Amino acid sequence: MLGMEDHGIFTAFLYVEGDNWACGFGGYGMDAYAKHLNKRIGHRFGIDFIKGVLETLDVLTWEKLSGTFLRVETEGLGGKIKRVGHPIKEKWFDPDELAEQMKDF
């Protein structure tokens, strides 16, 4: 899913299914309210999140993600998906790592 959630916040989710389990990855706000414009505007984290997922999974468009195989690293039973990885290559995308990198911008 790539779009607006219930409260009008732009976000993205990957719905991941495995043997007898399923979990969502994402849900980060990819825009922020700009008071001087009286509307929400996109920010760099959102673009880099989308690009990070696509580049990691070797997919050119968000629409092509459906049915794409991937690996996940989780916090364990009941926890969140921490990062997603390419099914064969040693390529991973970690949104917390991206957020840490964004602190300098």
Protein backbone atom coordinates (compact mmCIF):
# COMPACT_ATOMS: atom_id res chain seq x y z
CA MET A 1 0.00 0.00 0.00
CA LEU A 2 1.28 3.42 -0.92
CA GLY A 3 -0.99 6.34 -0.12
CA MET A 4 -2.97 8.14 2.57
CA GLU A 5 -4.01 6.42 5.77
CA ASP A 6 -7.16 7.23 7.76
CA HIS A 7 -5.89 10.53 9.18
CA GLY A 8 -4.54 11.87 5.87
CA ILE A 9 -0.91 10.95 6.54
CA PHE A 10 1.03 9.72 3.52
CA THR A 11 2.53 6.30 4.28
CA ALA A 12 3.60 2.97 2.81
CA PHE A 13 3.11 -0.64 3.91
CA LEU A 14 4.40 -3.95 2.69
CA TYR A 15 2.06 -6.75 3.76
CA VAL A 16 4.32 -9.76 4.25
CA GLU A 17 3.09 -13.35 4.51
CA GLY A 18 4.99 -16.46 5.56
CA ASP A 19 4.07 -19.95 6.65
CA ASN A 20 1.25 -19.42 9.17
CA TRP A 21 2.06 -15.75 9.83
CA ALA A 22 1.60 -12.29 8.34
CA CYS A 23 2.82 -8.84 9.31
CA GLY A 24 2.96 -5.30 7.96
CA PHE A 25 6.22 -3.45 7.35
CA GLY A 26 6.10 0.33 7.21
CA GLY A 27 3.48 2.71 8.47
CA TYR A 28 5.94 5.58 8.84
CA GLY A 29 4.71 9.12 8.19
CA MET A 30 6.19 10.24 4.90
CA ASP A 31 4.95 13.79 5.11
CA ALA A 32 4.52 16.47 7.75
CA TYR A 33 2.14 19.33 8.36
CA ALA A 34 3.48 22.65 7.12
CA LYS A 35 1.62 25.26 9.16
CA HIS A 36 2.63 28.16 6.88
CA LEU A 37 1.10 26.32 3.89
CA ASN A 38 -1.81 24.88 5.86
CA LYS A 39 -1.26 21.43 4.33
CA ARG A 40 0.88 18.31 4.58
CA ILE A 41 4.02 18.15 2.44
CA GLY A 42 6.34 15.24 1.66
CA HIS A 43 9.78 14.95 3.22
CA ARG A 44 13.03 13.24 2.35
CA PHE A 45 12.55 10.26 4.69
CA GLY A 46 9.46 9.24 2.71
CA ILE A 47 11.20 9.32 -0.65
CA ASP A 48 14.27 7.52 0.71
CA PHE A 49 12.04 4.88 2.35
CA ILE A 50 10.31 4.13 -0.96
CA LYS A 51 13.60 4.10 -2.88
CA GLY A 52 15.26 1.95 -0.21
CA VAL A 53 12.58 -0.74 -0.43
CA LEU A 54 12.60 -0.77 -4.24
CA GLU A 55 16.41 -0.82 -4.54
CA THR A 56 16.81 -3.53 -1.89
CA LEU A 57 14.28 -5.82 -3.55
CA ASP A 58 15.47 -5.02 -7.11
CA VAL A 59 12.03 -3.80 -8.17
CA LEU A 60 11.50 -0.71 -10.34
CA THR A 61 7.98 0.30 -9.24
CA TRP A 62 5.88 -0.04 -6.08
CA GLU A 63 3.21 -1.85 -8.10
CA LYS A 64 5.68 -4.65 -8.89
CA LEU A 65 6.23 -5.44 -5.18
CA SER A 66 3.14 -7.65 -4.95
CA GLY A 67 4.30 -11.28 -5.04
CA THR A 68 7.99 -10.35 -4.66
CA PHE A 69 9.97 -12.71 -2.44
CA LEU A 70 11.96 -11.16 0.39
CA ARG A 71 13.58 -11.90 3.73
CA VAL A 72 12.67 -10.25 7.00
CA GLU A 73 14.39 -9.65 10.29
CA THR A 74 11.88 -9.37 13.13
CA GLU A 75 11.88 -8.55 16.81
CA GLY A 76 10.46 -12.02 17.38
CA LEU A 77 6.98 -13.32 18.07
CA GLY A 78 4.57 -10.40 18.40
CA GLY A 79 7.22 -7.85 17.42
CA LYS A 80 7.64 -5.73 14.33
CA ILE A 81 9.58 -6.41 11.17
CA LYS A 82 12.81 -4.49 11.72
CA ARG A 83 14.15 -4.70 8.16
CA VAL A 84 13.51 -6.35 4.82
CA GLY A 85 16.10 -8.02 2.62
CA HIS A 86 16.62 -9.30 -0.88
CA PRO A 87 15.85 -13.04 -1.01
CA ILE A 88 19.31 -13.99 -2.37
CA LYS A 89 21.66 -11.00 -2.31
CA GLU A 90 23.03 -9.61 0.93
CA LYS A 91 21.00 -6.39 0.60
CA TRP A 92 18.87 -5.09 3.47
CA PHE A 93 16.71 -2.04 4.11
CA ASP A 94 16.32 -0.81 7.69
CA PRO A 95 14.05 2.24 8.22
CA ASP A 96 15.47 2.90 11.70
CA GLU A 97 18.94 3.13 10.16
CA LEU A 98 17.58 5.51 7.53
CA ALA A 99 15.99 7.69 10.23
CA GLU A 100 19.33 7.81 12.06
CA GLN A 101 21.05 8.96 8.85
CA MET A 102 18.38 11.65 8.36
CA LYS A 103 19.22 13.29 11.69
CA ASP A 104 22.12 15.09 9.99
CA PHE A 105 19.88 16.68 7.31
